[in-house]
Amino acid sequence: MAWQQPNPDDRSDNVERLQEAINNTVENMCKAEDALDHASEKDRADIEAKNHRREESLTAMRNEVKEEAADRENGYS
């Protein structure tokens, strides 16, 4: 079997991909908030817990966008 080279690290679109993930997460949070009006108590607790986890993920993704943007500006060195 021939040795295969790994794909090169292409970070050129990381900021855009992360921003899209952030937008999708925010949209999902809004949809979940809308569903709270029709949810049972158990479902309500589940939705609120999931949105809390989403908020934590958003914080991490926003920090990563800042880091990636800075790295892009500095030439990914």
C-alpha atoms as a PDB file:
ATOM      1  CA  MET A   1       0.000   0.000   0.000  1.00  0.00           C
ATOM      2  CA  ALA A   2       1.350   3.407  -0.996  1.00  0.00           C
ATOM      3  CA  TRP A   3       1.884   6.114   1.591  1.00  0.00           C
ATOM      4  CA  GLN A   4      -0.799   8.781   1.321  1.00  0.00           C
ATOM      5  CA  GLN A   5      -0.039  12.378   2.143  1.00  0.00           C
ATOM      6  CA  PRO A   6      -2.523  14.112   4.446  1.00  0.00           C
ATOM      7  CA  ASN A   7      -4.462  17.005   3.000  1.00  0.00           C
ATOM      8  CA  PRO A   8      -2.852  20.366   3.673  1.00  0.00           C
ATOM      9  CA  ASP A   9      -4.333  22.454   6.459  1.00  0.00           C
ATOM     10  CA  ASP A  10      -6.693  24.889   4.707  1.00  0.00           C
ATOM     11  CA  ARG A  11      -7.919  27.454   7.190  1.00  0.00           C
ATOM     12  CA  SER A  12      -8.873  30.047   4.591  1.00  0.00           C
ATOM     13  CA  ASP A  13     -12.627  29.712   5.179  1.00  0.00           C
ATOM     14  CA  ASN A  14     -12.703  28.960   8.903  1.00  0.00           C
ATOM     15  CA  VAL A  15     -14.092  32.365   9.875  1.00  0.00           C
ATOM     16  CA  GLU A  16     -16.945  32.056   7.381  1.00  0.00           C
ATOM     17  CA  ARG A  17     -17.747  28.484   8.388  1.00  0.00           C
ATOM     18  CA  LEU A  18     -17.738  29.403  12.076  1.00  0.00           C
ATOM     19  CA  GLN A  19     -19.959  32.417  11.409  1.00  0.00           C
ATOM     20  CA  GLU A  20     -22.421  30.196   9.557  1.00  0.00           C
ATOM     21  CA  ALA A  21     -22.456  27.800  12.522  1.00  0.00           C
ATOM     22  CA  ILE A  22     -23.100  30.733  14.854  1.00  0.00           C
ATOM     23  CA  ASN A  23     -25.987  31.941  12.698  1.00  0.00           C
ATOM     24  CA  ASN A  24     -27.503  28.440  12.586  1.00  0.00           C
ATOM     25  CA  THR A  25     -27.189  28.064  16.359  1.00  0.00           C
ATOM     26  CA  VAL A  26     -28.872  31.415  16.990  1.00  0.00           C
ATOM     27  CA  GLU A  27     -31.669  30.450  14.606  1.00  0.00           C
ATOM     28  CA  ASN A  28     -32.137  27.133  16.418  1.00  0.00           C
ATOM     29  CA  MET A  29     -32.255  28.918  19.762  1.00  0.00           C
ATOM     30  CA  CYS A  30     -34.991  31.227  18.476  1.00  0.00           C
ATOM     31  CA  LYS A  31     -37.019  28.302  17.167  1.00  0.00           C
ATOM     32  CA  ALA A  32     -36.625  26.535  20.509  1.00  0.00           C
ATOM     33  CA  GLU A  33     -37.754  29.657  22.367  1.00  0.00           C
ATOM     34  CA  ASP A  34     -40.861  29.781  20.153  1.00  0.00           C
ATOM     35  CA  ALA A  35     -41.566  26.134  20.982  1.00  0.00           C
ATOM     36  CA  LEU A  36     -41.556  26.886  24.717  1.00  0.00           C
ATOM     37  CA  ASP A  37     -45.098  28.269  24.454  1.00  0.00           C
ATOM     38  CA  HIS A  38     -46.418  24.838  23.490  1.00  0.00           C
ATOM     39  CA  ALA A  39     -44.082  22.631  25.518  1.00  0.00           C
ATOM     40  CA  SER A  40     -44.826  20.484  28.533  1.00  0.00           C
ATOM     41  CA  GLU A  41     -42.908  21.138  31.754  1.00  0.00           C
ATOM     42  CA  LYS A  42     -40.417  18.360  31.005  1.00  0.00           C
ATOM     43  CA  ASP A  43     -39.915  19.532  27.419  1.00  0.00           C
ATOM     44  CA  ARG A  44     -39.607  23.100  28.657  1.00  0.00           C
ATOM     45  CA  ALA A  45     -36.776  22.112  31.006  1.00  0.00           C
ATOM     46  CA  ASP A  46     -35.056  20.168  28.209  1.00  0.00           C
ATOM     47  CA  ILE A  47     -35.326  23.096  25.794  1.00  0.00           C
ATOM     48  CA  GLU A  48     -33.999  25.548  28.357  1.00  0.00           C
ATOM     49  CA  ALA A  49     -31.073  23.248  29.177  1.00  0.00           C
ATOM     50  CA  LYS A  50     -30.254  22.796  25.506  1.00  0.00           C
ATOM     51  CA  ASN A  51     -30.387  26.543  24.889  1.00  0.00           C
ATOM     52  CA  HIS A  52     -28.032  27.039  27.813  1.00  0.00           C
ATOM     53  CA  ARG A  53     -25.577  24.625  26.189  1.00  0.00           C
ATOM     54  CA  ARG A  54     -26.044  26.445  22.886  1.00  0.00           C
ATOM     55  CA  GLU A  55     -25.200  29.741  24.567  1.00  0.00           C
ATOM     56  CA  GLU A  56     -21.973  28.223  25.903  1.00  0.00           C
ATOM     57  CA  SER A  57     -21.155  26.954  22.409  1.00  0.00           C
ATOM     58  CA  LEU A  58     -21.827  30.382  20.945  1.00  0.00           C
ATOM     59  CA  THR A  59     -19.347  31.937  23.350  1.00  0.00           C
ATOM     60  CA  ALA A  60     -16.695  29.405  22.348  1.00  0.00           C
ATOM     61  CA  MET A  61     -17.395  29.828  18.623  1.00  0.00           C
ATOM     62  CA  ARG A  62     -17.254  33.621  18.876  1.00  0.00           C
ATOM     63  CA  ASN A  63     -13.890  33.388  20.630  1.00  0.00           C
ATOM     64  CA  GLU A  64     -12.646  31.032  17.932  1.00  0.00           C
ATOM     65  CA  VAL A  65     -13.787  33.456  15.211  1.00  0.00           C
ATOM     66  CA  LYS A  66     -11.739  36.203  16.877  1.00  0.00           C
ATOM     67  CA  GLU A  67      -8.684  33.936  17.022  1.00  0.00           C
ATOM     68  CA  GLU A  68      -9.080  32.783  13.431  1.00  0.00           C
ATOM     69  CA  ALA A  69      -9.568  36.337  12.176  1.00  0.00           C
ATOM     70  CA  ALA A  70      -6.430  37.447  14.013  1.00  0.00           C
ATOM     71  CA  ASP A  71      -4.476  34.486  12.619  1.00  0.00           C
ATOM     72  CA  ARG A  72      -5.747  35.259   9.119  1.00  0.00           C
ATOM     73  CA  GLU A  73      -4.637  38.869   9.518  1.00  0.00           C
ATOM     74  CA  ASN A  74      -1.193  37.704  10.658  1.00  0.00           C
ATOM     75  CA  GLY A  75      -0.812  35.259   7.775  1.00  0.00           C
ATOM     76  CA  TYR A  76      -1.536  32.048   9.751  1.00  0.00           C
ATOM     77  CA  SER A  77       1.995  31.947  11.075  1.00  0.00           C
END
